[in-house]
C-alpha atoms as a PDB file:
ATOM      1  CA  MET A   1      -6.115  16.827  47.839  1.00  0.00           C
ATOM      2  CA  ASN A   2      -8.433  17.897  45.010  1.00  0.00           C
ATOM      3  CA  VAL A   3      -5.441  18.885  42.861  1.00  0.00           C
ATOM      4  CA  ILE A   4      -3.913  15.435  43.266  1.00  0.00           C
ATOM      5  CA  ARG A   5      -7.200  13.767  42.290  1.00  0.00           C
ATOM      6  CA  LYS A   6      -7.548  15.967  39.212  1.00  0.00           C
ATOM      7  CA  ILE A   7      -3.989  15.243  38.122  1.00  0.00           C
ATOM      8  CA  GLY A   8      -4.510  11.516  38.694  1.00  0.00           C
ATOM      9  CA  ALA A   9      -7.761  11.495  36.738  1.00  0.00           C
ATOM     10  CA  THR A  10      -6.218  13.451  33.878  1.00  0.00           C
ATOM     11  CA  LEU A  11      -3.211  11.145  33.667  1.00  0.00           C
ATOM     12  CA  GLY A  12      -5.466   8.098  33.824  1.00  0.00           C
ATOM     13  CA  CYS A  13      -7.603   9.362  30.948  1.00  0.00           C
ATOM     14  CA  LEU A  14      -4.545  10.176  28.868  1.00  0.00           C
ATOM     15  CA  ALA A  15      -3.078   6.721  29.501  1.00  0.00           C
ATOM     16  CA  LEU A  16      -6.331   4.980  28.514  1.00  0.00           C
ATOM     17  CA  GLY A  17      -6.627   7.096  25.385  1.00  0.00           C
ATOM     18  CA  ALA A  18      -3.054   6.370  24.342  1.00  0.00           C
ATOM     19  CA  ALA A  19      -3.465   2.654  25.019  1.00  0.00           C
ATOM     20  CA  GLY A  20      -6.672   2.508  22.978  1.00  0.00           C
ATOM     21  CA  THR A  21      -5.056   4.265  20.028  1.00  0.00           C
ATOM     22  CA  PHE A  22      -1.999   2.050  20.225  1.00  0.00           C
ATOM     23  CA  LEU A  23      -4.001  -1.170  20.359  1.00  0.00           C
ATOM     24  CA  THR A  24      -6.553  -0.427  17.631  1.00  0.00           C
ATOM     25  CA  ALA A  25      -4.784   1.639  14.968  1.00  0.00           C
ATOM     26  CA  PRO A  26      -2.607  -1.080  13.376  1.00  0.00           C
ATOM     27  CA  ALA A  27      -5.453  -3.605  13.099  1.00  0.00           C
ATOM     28  CA  ALA A  28      -7.840  -1.060  11.604  1.00  0.00           C
ATOM     29  CA  GLN A  29      -5.380  -0.108   8.886  1.00  0.00           C
ATOM     30  CA  ALA A  30      -4.824  -3.752   7.990  1.00  0.00           C
ATOM     31  CA  ASP A  31      -8.572  -4.307   7.529  1.00  0.00           C
ATOM     32  CA  MET A  32      -8.901  -1.416   5.086  1.00  0.00           C
ATOM     33  CA  ASN A  33      -5.898  -2.731   3.187  1.00  0.00           C
ATOM     34  CA  ALA A  34      -7.383  -6.216   2.972  1.00  0.00           C
ATOM     35  CA  CYS A  35     -10.561  -4.807   1.430  1.00  0.00           C
ATOM     36  CA  ALA A  36      -8.670  -2.610  -1.047  1.00  0.00           C
ATOM     37  CA  SER A  37      -6.204  -5.362  -1.959  1.00  0.00           C
ATOM     38  CA  TYR A  38      -9.033  -7.777  -2.670  1.00  0.00           C
ATOM     39  CA  LEU A  39     -10.708  -5.281  -4.996  1.00  0.00           C
ATOM     40  CA  GLN A  40      -7.435  -4.773  -6.856  1.00  0.00           C
ATOM     41  CA  SER A  41      -6.898  -8.526  -7.123  1.00  0.00           C
ATOM     42  CA  GLN A  42     -10.290  -8.782  -8.828  1.00  0.00           C
ATOM     43  CA  GLY A  43      -9.264  -6.203 -11.424  1.00  0.00           C
ATOM     44  CA  TYR A  44     -10.851  -3.066  -9.984  1.00  0.00           C
ATOM     45  CA  SER A  45      -8.944   0.186  -9.812  1.00  0.00           C
ATOM     46  CA  LEU A  46      -9.128   2.065  -6.546  1.00  0.00           C
ATOM     47  CA  ASN A  47     -10.874   5.411  -6.490  1.00  0.00           C
ATOM     48  CA  TYR A  48     -12.161   7.585  -3.681  1.00  0.00           C
ATOM     49  CA  VAL A  49     -15.564   5.823  -3.589  1.00  0.00           C
ATOM     50  CA  ARG A  50     -14.034   2.347  -3.265  1.00  0.00           C
ATOM     51  CA  ILE A  51     -11.500   3.454  -0.682  1.00  0.00           C
ATOM     52  CA  GLY A  52     -14.286   5.162   1.274  1.00  0.00           C
ATOM     53  CA  ALA A  53     -16.300   1.957   1.134  1.00  0.00           C
ATOM     54  CA  CYS A  54     -13.391   0.003   2.590  1.00  0.00           C
ATOM     55  CA  TYR A  55     -13.133   2.540   5.400  1.00  0.00           C
ATOM     56  CA  SER A  56     -16.859   2.024   6.047  1.00  0.00           C
ATOM     57  CA  ALA A  57     -16.212  -1.690   6.476  1.00  0.00           C
ATOM     58  CA  GLU A  58     -13.328  -0.893   8.786  1.00  0.00           C
ATOM     59  CA  ASP A  59     -15.815   1.117  10.877  1.00  0.00           C
ATOM     60  CA  GLN A  60     -18.027  -2.017  11.061  1.00  0.00           C
ATOM     61  CA  ASP A  61     -20.655  -0.650   8.651  1.00  0.00           C
ATOM     62  CA  TRP A  62     -20.993  -3.546   6.213  1.00  0.00           C
ATOM     63  CA  ASP A  63     -24.166  -2.231   4.547  1.00  0.00           C
ATOM     64  CA  GLN A  64     -22.602   1.138   3.764  1.00  0.00           C
ATOM     65  CA  CYS A  65     -19.514  -0.545   2.344  1.00  0.00           C
ATOM     66  CA  TYR A  66     -21.534  -2.932   0.210  1.00  0.00           C
ATOM     67  CA  HIS A  67     -23.887  -0.300  -1.197  1.00  0.00           C
ATOM     68  CA  GLN A  68     -21.062   2.116  -1.993  1.00  0.00           C
ATOM     69  CA  LEU A  69     -19.206  -0.587  -3.908  1.00  0.00           C
ATOM     70  CA  GLN A  70     -22.360  -1.691  -5.732  1.00  0.00           C
ATOM     71  CA  TRP A  71     -23.145   1.905  -6.668  1.00  0.00           C
ATOM     72  CA  ASP A  72     -19.625   2.251  -8.060  1.00  0.00           C
ATOM     73  CA  GLY A  73     -19.980  -0.784 -10.334  1.00  0.00           C
ATOM     74  CA  VAL A  74     -18.387  -3.562  -8.295  1.00  0.00           C
ATOM     75  CA  TYR A  75     -19.948  -6.983  -8.896  1.00  0.00           C
ATOM     76  CA  PHE A  76     -22.113  -7.969  -5.909  1.00  0.00           C
ATOM     77  CA  LEU A  77     -20.067 -11.045  -4.948  1.00  0.00           C
ATOM     78  CA  HIS A  78     -16.845  -9.050  -5.062  1.00  0.00           C
ATOM     79  CA  ALA A  79     -18.418  -6.224  -3.052  1.00  0.00           C
ATOM     80  CA  GLY A  80     -19.606  -8.624  -0.361  1.00  0.00           C
ATOM     81  CA  ARG A  81     -16.253 -10.354  -0.045  1.00  0.00           C
ATOM     82  CA  ALA A  82     -14.345  -7.045   0.062  1.00  0.00           C
ATOM     83  CA  CYS A  83     -16.611  -5.756   2.836  1.00  0.00           C
ATOM     84  CA  ASP A  84     -16.227  -9.032   4.753  1.00  0.00           C
ATOM     85  CA  LEU A  85     -12.448  -8.692   4.580  1.00  0.00           C
ATOM     86  CA  GLY A  86     -12.636  -5.071   5.632  1.00  0.00           C
ATOM     87  CA  MET A  87     -14.538  -5.940   8.792  1.00  0.00           C
ATOM     88  CA  GLN A  88     -12.138  -8.611  10.035  1.00  0.00           C
END
């Protein structure tokens, strides 16, 4: 009986993990792209700092995103809007 419970629990955890990855991965990628696309549309080139900032927004860390973009020379209004788009 214990073996059956362990197998059931393991399969349940694997199913939940796969479902969570399946449901969240596409939306998260789109948010990062929205942030990066907005920066490009405002005339900024993408570098590792700006891409990292967009990933911070994707992780729901608006302050980190904003401060990274500001530090890298992005105008404050553009930085705020990019981070907003990245969090959606």
